[in-house]
Each structure stands twice: as structure tokens, then as C-alpha cells.
Amino acid sequence: MPKNVQQILFIRLSAIGDIVMASGLPSSIKQSYSQYGEPVELTWLVEAPYVALVKSQPYVDHVIAWPKNEWRALLKAKKYWALFKTIKAFRKQLREKNFKVAIEAQGLLKSAFFAYVSGASQRIGFKSKENSQRLLTLALDKPISQQISSEYRHLAKTLYSLCSAENNNSQGYEMCIRSSSAAMQSAISKTSHLGLTEPFIAIAPFTTRPQKHWPSEHWQNLIHRVRNHSSLPIAILGGPGDAAKAEALTFECNGVISLAGKISLEESVSVLSLCHAFVGVDTGLTHLATSYKKPTVAIFGSTRPYTITDNAYTHVLFKDMPCAPCKRKPTCNERFDCMTLVTPEQAFNQLKPYISH
């Protein structure tokens, strides 16, 4: 391993959930390479929409945004020369940082490609089906584990071992995503204007794939159960595309407020840091609530990214079926039994102890 490392490139391009679970790596990387006695600066390479999510991370010194959508637009418009110049300029931007080490935490060909073009002599990351390991100098297998952030914990331990002559144990892995003070103030202002007061319950019903969704009637049933038991306001989180469905969940009960599409991603992070308890499906907001040590009910089915966390107040609900987790290859003809068979009563029973006072 090279000594006197000062500039390190960390690559985790997307998505929200994985960015949250990988957010413990910057501190681990700095801890590992600081053993050489030289100052370390870490630059996170991430897709442009997620810059705000990592910019306030206390162990990240610089952020470089990958303009994926711009590249796609140029490719779609067949502006190949403009695309070539844009890629060349991006490569120059990476090379100017004089990275000696690139840590690739995505496990894809595109992320390994960025590690390669950065000019870093040491490129460490994960093996993949795309054979991205050919662009790395050290490629790791992803471990099979039920622990949250297991692959990133494995990478952190490996880095510490490589950098430590004594091979001492590294410090604990801790996810770390924070919002800026400006985002916090903006979130407080917007939620107050919408009538949301503390303490409140946050829920995240929406995610990227239908096999990860809990039925809307289950959410409505859970909201009714909560409202019959507690007067705590309920805030529904989501993006602009979730706004209509979120509003539909507010119609039958008082004190249910939709924030979907009304606040930014970074403001949603702030809202989560303020909430009293949380219920969500397999989405980055759920992992974030767990990292904040909030009372969290996580409803998993086709993906089930973990069952073990560092948060004693996280309760993972899933139906242990022979076909689950199927991930991206459902075999149930879109019934998604693994999700529908998790009942509102089960979710409420896990949430109830935290909202009973």
C-alpha cells in the first residue's frame, strides 16, 4: 500500500439507500490511512442529484458530481463530439486531484471505470458480474450477511488491515448522513407552515420498485390504528412523483400531513432527524431512520437488505417465504405476497410502545 497518501477518491454514485449505508466508509477510510501519519483529504464522487446528501458529511472534504443525466442527454441527441469533450473534461477534473488511492464501493463497471480514469495507482473495490475487477488493483467479494451495511463494513475492515502493520481491530462502523443547517432551518419553516408540530411520526410508503411496496390499504389501516391510539401528527415523506398517492393517505384521518414533493431530499433528512418514530419500506429513508437511532419499523419483502442493525429500536418485519427475497426477479405474478402478508396489526404492534405516552 502506498504511504504518504493525501488525496483519496471515494466512489459511491447512487442510490439513496446505498449512499446511506455506505456513509460510514469515509470515516473508516480516514482512520485507516491516517495511520501513515500524513493528513488525508477525501473526495466523494456521486451522481449530481445526491450531492447535497453527502456534502455535509463531516468526513468528506470535497464532492465531485457525476453529471449522468447530461451525458445521457448528449448521447440521446447523438451529440457524440460534445459528449466526448464532456467526458474528457471530467477525466481531467479527476486527474487534477492527483489521487493515489480510489475506493470503489459500488461494484459496477462504471464505478470501477471512474476509479481507473482517476489515475489512482491503487484501486480497491468489489468484484462484479461485469468483470469490473479488471480495472481494480484489489477486488473483494461481497459477503453474505444479514447485518446492515455488511459489504461496506467488510471493505472498511479490509482497508484498516491493509494500512495497519499491527493489524489491530478497526473502530466500529457508523453510518453518517447529516443535513446542513440551512436545510434544517428550511425544513422546520416548511413543516411548521404545513401544520406539522413535534413530536411526530414519519412514514415512508414509497420506493422505486412495486415489489418493495406495502399495499396502500395496509398503510391506510395502519394510519387509522395509530390515530385511534395516539394524537401524534403523521408526516408522509416522498418525492414529487409520490405526491398524489401521499395526499390520498391524508383524506380519512386528521393530523396526517403529506410532505411528498413539498420538501427536498436534504430537507427530508432533516425531518427524519426530528421525528419521534418512523415506519417505512426498503428505501433510503428507512436506513437513515435506523442510522439516527429512531424507533423504526422496517417492512421488507422482495429485497430484505438486512435483519440485524446497530439500532436496538429498529424492528424488521418480513414474511419468511421460500421465494423471498427474490430481489429483481419476482415469481409471484405480481401478487407480492411477501409484502401483503405483513399485516398492519404487526406493524402497529411494533410501533405502539413508542407512541403510548
Protein backbone atom coordinates (compact mmCIF):
# COMPACT_ATOMS: atom_id res chain seq x y z
CA MET A 1 0.00 0.00 0.00
CA PRO A 2 1.30 3.48 -0.79
CA LYS A 3 2.42 5.64 2.10
CA ASN A 4 2.03 9.42 2.49
CA VAL A 5 -1.42 9.29 0.93
CA GLN A 6 -3.08 12.68 0.98
CA GLN A 7 -5.82 12.56 -1.66
CA ILE A 8 -8.32 9.67 -1.70
CA LEU A 9 -11.21 9.24 -4.10
CA PHE A 10 -14.31 7.52 -2.72
CA ILE A 11 -16.87 6.32 -5.26
CA ARG A 12 -20.46 5.52 -4.42
CA LEU A 13 -22.55 7.03 -7.20
CA SER A 14 -26.08 6.09 -6.13
CA ALA A 15 -28.72 5.31 -4.90
CA ILE A 16 -30.08 6.91 -1.76
CA GLY A 17 -30.28 3.71 0.29
CA ASP A 18 -26.80 2.55 -0.59
CA ILE A 19 -25.36 6.03 -0.09
CA VAL A 20 -26.78 5.99 3.43
CA MET A 21 -25.43 2.51 4.18
CA ALA A 22 -22.01 3.37 2.68
CA SER A 23 -21.81 6.63 4.61
CA GLY A 24 -19.73 5.04 7.34
CA LEU A 25 -16.85 4.45 4.94
CA PRO A 26 -15.39 7.99 4.78
CA SER A 27 -14.57 7.97 8.50
CA SER A 28 -13.23 4.41 8.21
CA ILE A 29 -11.07 5.36 5.24
CA LYS A 30 -9.65 8.37 7.04
CA GLN A 31 -8.99 6.30 10.15
CA SER A 32 -7.15 3.67 8.08
CA TYR A 33 -4.94 5.99 6.04
CA SER A 34 -4.20 8.41 8.88
CA GLN A 35 -2.08 5.62 10.37
CA TYR A 36 0.66 6.71 7.97
CA GLY A 37 0.89 10.00 9.88
CA GLU A 38 0.02 12.18 6.89
CA PRO A 39 -3.12 14.34 6.53
CA VAL A 40 -5.88 12.78 4.44
CA GLU A 41 -8.38 14.53 2.18
CA LEU A 42 -11.33 12.53 0.93
CA THR A 43 -13.34 13.36 -2.19
CA TRP A 44 -16.72 11.64 -2.74
CA LEU A 45 -17.74 11.04 -6.36
CA VAL A 46 -21.53 10.82 -6.54
CA GLU A 47 -24.31 11.39 -9.05
CA ALA A 48 -25.39 15.02 -9.25
CA PRO A 49 -28.84 14.62 -7.57
CA TYR A 50 -27.21 13.28 -4.39
CA VAL A 51 -24.53 15.94 -3.87
CA ALA A 52 -26.49 17.64 -1.08
CA LEU A 53 -26.91 14.28 0.66
CA VAL A 54 -23.15 13.81 1.09
CA LYS A 55 -21.85 17.37 1.09
CA SER A 56 -22.50 17.92 4.80
CA GLN A 57 -20.91 14.62 5.79
CA PRO A 58 -18.26 15.59 8.38
CA TYR A 59 -15.60 13.22 6.99
CA VAL A 60 -15.96 14.36 3.36
CA ASP A 61 -13.66 17.20 2.30
CA HIS A 62 -14.75 17.57 -1.33
CA VAL A 63 -17.59 16.35 -3.55
CA ILE A 64 -17.43 15.77 -7.29
CA ALA A 65 -20.76 15.40 -9.09
CA TRP A 66 -21.05 12.96 -11.97
CA PRO A 67 -23.46 14.62 -14.45
CA LYS A 68 -25.01 11.37 -15.64
CA ASN A 69 -28.19 12.97 -16.95
CA GLU A 70 -26.17 15.45 -19.01
CA TRP A 71 -24.16 12.63 -20.55
CA ARG A 72 -27.32 10.67 -21.32
CA ALA A 73 -28.94 13.69 -22.96
CA LEU A 74 -25.92 14.22 -25.22
CA LEU A 75 -25.88 10.53 -26.14
CA LYS A 76 -29.61 10.52 -26.88
CA ALA A 77 -29.21 13.63 -29.05
CA LYS A 78 -26.31 11.91 -30.86
CA LYS A 79 -24.00 14.78 -29.98
CA TYR A 80 -21.05 12.44 -29.77
CA TRP A 81 -18.33 15.05 -30.10
CA ALA A 82 -19.85 17.15 -27.30
CA LEU A 83 -20.13 14.01 -25.18
CA PHE A 84 -16.51 13.13 -25.85
CA LYS A 85 -15.36 16.60 -24.80
CA THR A 86 -17.51 16.44 -21.66
CA ILE A 87 -16.06 13.07 -20.67
CA LYS A 88 -12.54 14.29 -21.38
CA ALA A 89 -13.09 17.36 -19.19
CA PHE A 90 -14.46 15.17 -16.42
CA ARG A 91 -11.41 12.91 -16.62
CA LYS A 92 -9.19 15.99 -16.36
CA GLN A 93 -11.12 17.13 -13.29
CA LEU A 94 -10.44 13.78 -11.61
CA ARG A 95 -6.78 13.69 -12.61
CA GLU A 96 -6.10 17.20 -11.30
CA LYS A 97 -6.77 15.96 -7.76
CA ASN A 98 -3.75 13.65 -8.03
CA PHE A 99 -5.45 10.74 -6.31
CA LYS A 100 -3.16 7.97 -5.12
CA VAL A 101 -5.99 5.73 -3.93
CA ALA A 102 -9.52 5.19 -5.25
CA ILE A 103 -12.04 3.27 -3.13
CA GLU A 104 -14.84 1.94 -5.33
CA ALA A 105 -17.87 0.99 -3.21
CA GLN A 106 -20.46 0.44 -5.94
CA GLY A 107 -19.34 -2.83 -7.51
CA LEU A 108 -20.22 -1.85 -11.08
CA LEU A 109 -18.24 -1.40 -14.28
CA LYS A 110 -18.99 2.33 -14.47
CA SER A 111 -17.75 3.00 -10.93
CA ALA A 112 -14.61 0.93 -11.50
CA PHE A 113 -14.09 2.86 -14.74
CA PHE A 114 -14.06 6.13 -12.80
CA ALA A 115 -11.53 4.67 -10.37
CA TYR A 116 -9.37 3.70 -13.35
CA VAL A 117 -9.55 7.03 -15.20
CA SER A 118 -8.86 8.94 -11.98
CA GLY A 119 -5.23 7.91 -12.35
CA ALA A 120 -5.05 6.40 -8.87
CA SER A 121 -2.34 3.75 -8.69
CA GLN A 122 -4.25 1.80 -6.03
CA ARG A 123 -7.87 1.00 -6.91
CA ILE A 124 -9.79 -1.03 -4.36
CA GLY A 125 -13.38 -2.19 -4.72
CA PHE A 126 -15.78 -5.05 -5.26
CA LYS A 127 -15.90 -7.86 -7.78
CA SER A 128 -18.92 -7.84 -10.09
CA LYS A 129 -20.67 -9.83 -12.79
CA GLU A 130 -19.49 -7.16 -15.23
CA ASN A 131 -15.85 -8.10 -14.52
CA SER A 132 -15.20 -4.60 -13.24
CA GLN A 133 -12.41 -6.11 -11.13
CA ARG A 134 -10.18 -5.97 -14.21
CA LEU A 135 -9.95 -2.22 -13.64
CA LEU A 136 -9.04 -2.61 -9.97
CA THR A 137 -5.79 -3.49 -8.24
CA LEU A 138 -7.61 -5.22 -5.37
CA ALA A 139 -11.10 -6.67 -5.75
CA LEU A 140 -13.16 -8.04 -2.86
CA ASP A 141 -16.06 -10.46 -2.78
CA LYS A 142 -19.21 -9.08 -1.19
CA PRO A 143 -20.01 -11.01 1.99
CA ILE A 144 -23.32 -12.79 2.55
CA SER A 145 -24.72 -11.37 5.76
CA GLN A 146 -27.95 -10.18 7.37
CA GLN A 147 -26.18 -7.24 9.02
CA ILE A 148 -26.87 -3.74 7.78
CA SER A 149 -24.05 -2.31 5.61
CA SER A 150 -22.28 -5.69 5.65
CA GLU A 151 -20.38 -5.19 2.40
CA TYR A 152 -19.21 -1.72 3.43
CA ARG A 153 -18.17 -2.97 6.87
CA HIS A 154 -16.13 -5.67 5.13
CA LEU A 155 -14.46 -3.08 2.92
CA ALA A 156 -13.71 -0.89 5.95
CA LYS A 157 -12.08 -3.77 7.84
CA THR A 158 -10.04 -4.73 4.80
CA LEU A 159 -8.71 -1.19 4.36
CA TYR A 160 -7.76 -0.93 8.01
CA SER A 161 -5.96 -4.26 7.86
CA LEU A 162 -4.05 -3.24 4.73
CA CYS A 163 -2.94 0.04 6.29
CA SER A 164 -2.07 -1.29 9.74
CA ALA A 165 1.25 -3.00 10.38
CA GLU A 166 -0.04 -4.24 13.74
CA ASN A 167 -3.31 -5.46 12.17
CA ASN A 168 -5.30 -4.04 15.09
CA ASN A 169 -9.08 -4.06 15.02
CA SER A 170 -10.65 -1.01 13.44
CA GLN A 171 -13.19 1.11 15.22
CA GLY A 172 -16.90 0.43 14.86
CA TYR A 173 -18.70 1.21 11.62
CA GLU A 174 -21.23 4.03 11.90
CA MET A 175 -23.43 5.40 9.12
CA CYS A 176 -23.25 9.17 8.95
CA ILE A 177 -25.53 11.39 6.86
CA ARG A 178 -26.30 14.91 8.03
CA SER A 179 -28.19 17.84 6.60
CA SER A 180 -26.82 21.36 6.51
CA SER A 181 -28.02 23.98 8.99
CA ALA A 182 -29.67 25.81 6.10
CA ALA A 183 -31.63 22.68 5.11
CA MET A 184 -32.63 22.13 8.73
CA GLN A 185 -33.95 25.66 9.09
CA SER A 186 -35.78 25.40 5.78
CA ALA A 187 -37.34 22.08 6.77
CA ILE A 188 -38.52 23.47 10.10
CA SER A 189 -40.01 26.51 8.38
CA LYS A 190 -41.82 24.47 5.71
CA THR A 191 -43.17 21.81 8.06
CA SER A 192 -44.36 24.43 10.55
CA HIS A 193 -46.17 26.23 7.74
CA LEU A 194 -47.88 22.95 6.82
CA GLY A 195 -49.00 22.46 10.41
CA LEU A 196 -46.56 19.74 11.44
CA THR A 197 -45.52 20.06 15.07
CA GLU A 198 -43.17 17.98 17.20
CA PRO A 199 -43.24 15.24 18.28
CA PHE A 200 -44.47 13.48 15.15
CA ILE A 201 -44.37 10.10 13.40
CA ALA A 202 -42.80 9.90 9.93
CA ILE A 203 -43.72 7.26 7.37
CA ALA A 204 -42.12 6.43 4.01
CA PRO A 205 -44.55 4.35 1.93
CA PHE A 206 -42.86 4.86 -1.45
CA THR A 207 -39.85 3.39 -3.17
CA THR A 208 -38.53 2.53 -6.61
CA ARG A 209 -39.96 -0.91 -7.42
CA PRO A 210 -43.51 -2.29 -6.98
CA GLN A 211 -42.27 -5.48 -5.29
CA LYS A 212 -40.95 -3.35 -2.43
CA HIS A 213 -44.27 -1.55 -1.85
CA TRP A 214 -46.64 -2.26 1.02
CA PRO A 215 -50.27 -2.06 -0.19
CA SER A 216 -51.87 1.36 0.17
CA GLU A 217 -54.80 -0.17 2.06
CA HIS A 218 -52.31 -1.50 4.62
CA TRP A 219 -50.90 1.99 5.05
CA GLN A 220 -54.40 3.40 5.46
CA ASN A 221 -55.21 0.72 8.04
CA LEU A 222 -52.00 1.47 9.96
CA ILE A 223 -52.75 5.19 9.95
CA HIS A 224 -56.22 4.50 11.39
CA ARG A 225 -54.72 2.32 14.13
CA VAL A 226 -52.18 4.98 15.02
CA ARG A 227 -54.80 7.72 15.06
CA ASN A 228 -57.12 5.71 17.32
CA HIS A 229 -54.24 5.22 19.76
CA SER A 230 -52.31 8.49 19.59
CA SER A 231 -52.77 12.12 18.66
CA LEU A 232 -49.20 12.46 17.35
CA PRO A 233 -49.13 14.03 13.86
CA ILE A 234 -48.12 11.76 10.99
CA ALA A 235 -45.82 13.08 8.24
CA ILE A 236 -45.73 11.28 4.91
CA LEU A 237 -42.40 11.50 3.09
CA GLY A 238 -41.79 11.00 -0.62
CA GLY A 239 -40.70 12.61 -3.84
CA PRO A 240 -42.65 14.70 -6.37
CA GLY A 241 -43.83 11.56 -8.16
CA ASP A 242 -45.40 10.29 -4.95
CA ALA A 243 -47.42 13.41 -4.20
CA ALA A 244 -50.83 12.20 -5.39
CA LYS A 245 -50.64 8.87 -3.56
CA ALA A 246 -49.38 10.59 -0.43
CA GLU A 247 -52.27 13.06 -0.48
CA ALA A 248 -54.71 10.15 -0.79
CA LEU A 249 -53.43 8.79 2.53
CA THR A 250 -54.32 12.06 4.29
CA PHE A 251 -58.05 12.10 3.50
CA GLU A 252 -59.55 9.82 6.16
CA CYS A 253 -57.79 10.95 9.34
CA ASN A 254 -56.92 14.27 10.92
CA GLY A 255 -53.33 15.19 11.65
CA VAL A 256 -51.90 13.35 8.63
CA ILE A 257 -49.72 15.67 6.56
CA SER A 258 -48.13 14.94 3.21
CA LEU A 259 -44.62 16.32 2.66
CA ALA A 260 -44.17 14.37 -0.58
CA GLY A 261 -42.88 16.68 -3.28
CA LYS A 262 -43.03 19.66 -0.93
CA ILE A 263 -39.56 19.39 0.58
CA SER A 264 -36.18 18.49 -0.88
CA LEU A 265 -34.21 15.33 -0.22
CA GLU A 266 -31.89 17.16 2.17
CA GLU A 267 -34.90 18.65 3.97
CA SER A 268 -36.34 15.14 4.28
CA VAL A 269 -33.11 14.15 6.03
CA SER A 270 -33.72 16.99 8.47
CA VAL A 271 -37.31 15.86 9.06
CA LEU A 272 -36.11 12.35 9.86
CA SER A 273 -33.64 13.69 12.40
CA LEU A 274 -36.56 15.42 14.15
CA CYS A 275 -39.19 12.67 14.06
CA HIS A 276 -40.25 10.71 17.14
CA ALA A 277 -40.74 7.35 15.36
CA PHE A 278 -40.68 6.01 11.82
CA VAL A 279 -42.27 3.35 9.61
CA GLY A 280 -41.05 2.62 6.09
CA VAL A 281 -40.36 0.12 3.35
CA ASP A 282 -36.99 -0.70 1.78
CA THR A 283 -35.88 2.82 0.97
CA GLY A 284 -33.02 5.10 1.90
CA LEU A 285 -35.19 6.99 4.37
CA THR A 286 -35.73 3.80 6.36
CA HIS A 287 -32.00 3.12 6.55
CA LEU A 288 -31.47 6.74 7.54
CA ALA A 289 -34.00 6.49 10.39
CA THR A 290 -32.14 3.45 11.64
CA SER A 291 -28.83 5.33 11.49
CA TYR A 292 -30.40 8.11 13.59
CA LYS A 293 -31.35 5.51 16.22
CA LYS A 294 -35.02 6.36 15.82
CA PRO A 295 -37.70 3.82 16.78
CA THR A 296 -38.04 2.30 13.31
CA VAL A 297 -40.39 -0.29 11.82
CA ALA A 298 -38.90 -1.55 8.54
CA ILE A 299 -41.21 -3.54 6.27
CA PHE A 300 -39.19 -5.70 3.89
CA GLY A 301 -40.15 -8.33 1.34
CA SER A 302 -38.57 -8.98 -2.03
CA THR A 303 -35.26 -7.38 -1.12
CA ARG A 304 -34.71 -7.68 2.65
CA PRO A 305 -31.34 -5.88 2.72
CA TYR A 306 -30.76 -6.73 6.38
CA THR A 307 -32.39 -8.06 9.53
CA ILE A 308 -29.66 -7.02 12.00
CA THR A 309 -28.85 -3.37 12.75
CA ASP A 310 -26.94 -1.32 15.30
CA ASN A 311 -30.20 0.26 16.45
CA ALA A 312 -31.94 -1.59 19.26
CA TYR A 313 -35.12 0.27 18.32
CA THR A 314 -35.27 -0.98 14.73
CA HIS A 315 -37.76 -3.78 14.11
CA VAL A 316 -37.56 -5.54 10.74
CA LEU A 317 -40.80 -7.15 9.58
CA PHE A 318 -40.76 -9.68 6.75
CA LYS A 319 -42.58 -12.81 5.68
CA ASP A 320 -40.08 -15.64 5.50
CA MET A 321 -41.31 -17.28 2.30
CA PRO A 322 -39.44 -19.80 0.11
CA CYS A 323 -39.33 -17.29 -2.77
CA ALA A 324 -38.14 -14.35 -0.68
CA PRO A 325 -36.03 -12.40 -1.10
CA CYS A 326 -36.42 -12.56 -4.88
CA LYS A 327 -34.88 -9.10 -5.38
CA ARG A 328 -35.42 -8.09 -9.02
CA LYS A 329 -36.91 -11.40 -10.20
CA PRO A 330 -40.42 -11.86 -8.74
CA THR A 331 -42.05 -15.25 -9.31
CA CYS A 332 -45.48 -14.45 -7.83
CA ASN A 333 -47.20 -12.92 -10.88
CA GLU A 334 -47.08 -9.51 -9.18
CA ARG A 335 -49.02 -10.62 -6.08
CA PHE A 336 -46.02 -9.69 -3.94
CA ASP A 337 -47.24 -11.94 -1.14
CA CYS A 338 -44.10 -11.27 0.89
CA MET A 339 -45.32 -7.69 1.35
CA THR A 340 -49.10 -8.12 1.53
CA LEU A 341 -48.82 -10.82 4.22
CA VAL A 342 -47.09 -8.40 6.59
CA THR A 343 -50.17 -7.04 8.32
CA PRO A 344 -50.95 -3.53 9.59
CA GLU A 345 -51.54 -5.09 13.01
CA GLN A 346 -47.97 -6.42 13.07
CA ALA A 347 -46.55 -3.03 12.13
CA PHE A 348 -48.72 -1.24 14.70
CA ASN A 349 -47.76 -3.64 17.47
CA GLN A 350 -44.09 -2.84 16.89
CA LEU A 351 -44.76 0.90 16.77
CA LYS A 352 -47.21 1.06 19.68
CA PRO A 353 -44.71 1.01 22.60
CA TYR A 354 -43.03 4.17 21.24
CA ILE A 355 -46.22 6.21 20.84
CA SER A 356 -48.05 5.19 24.01
CA HIS A 357 -47.14 8.16 26.17
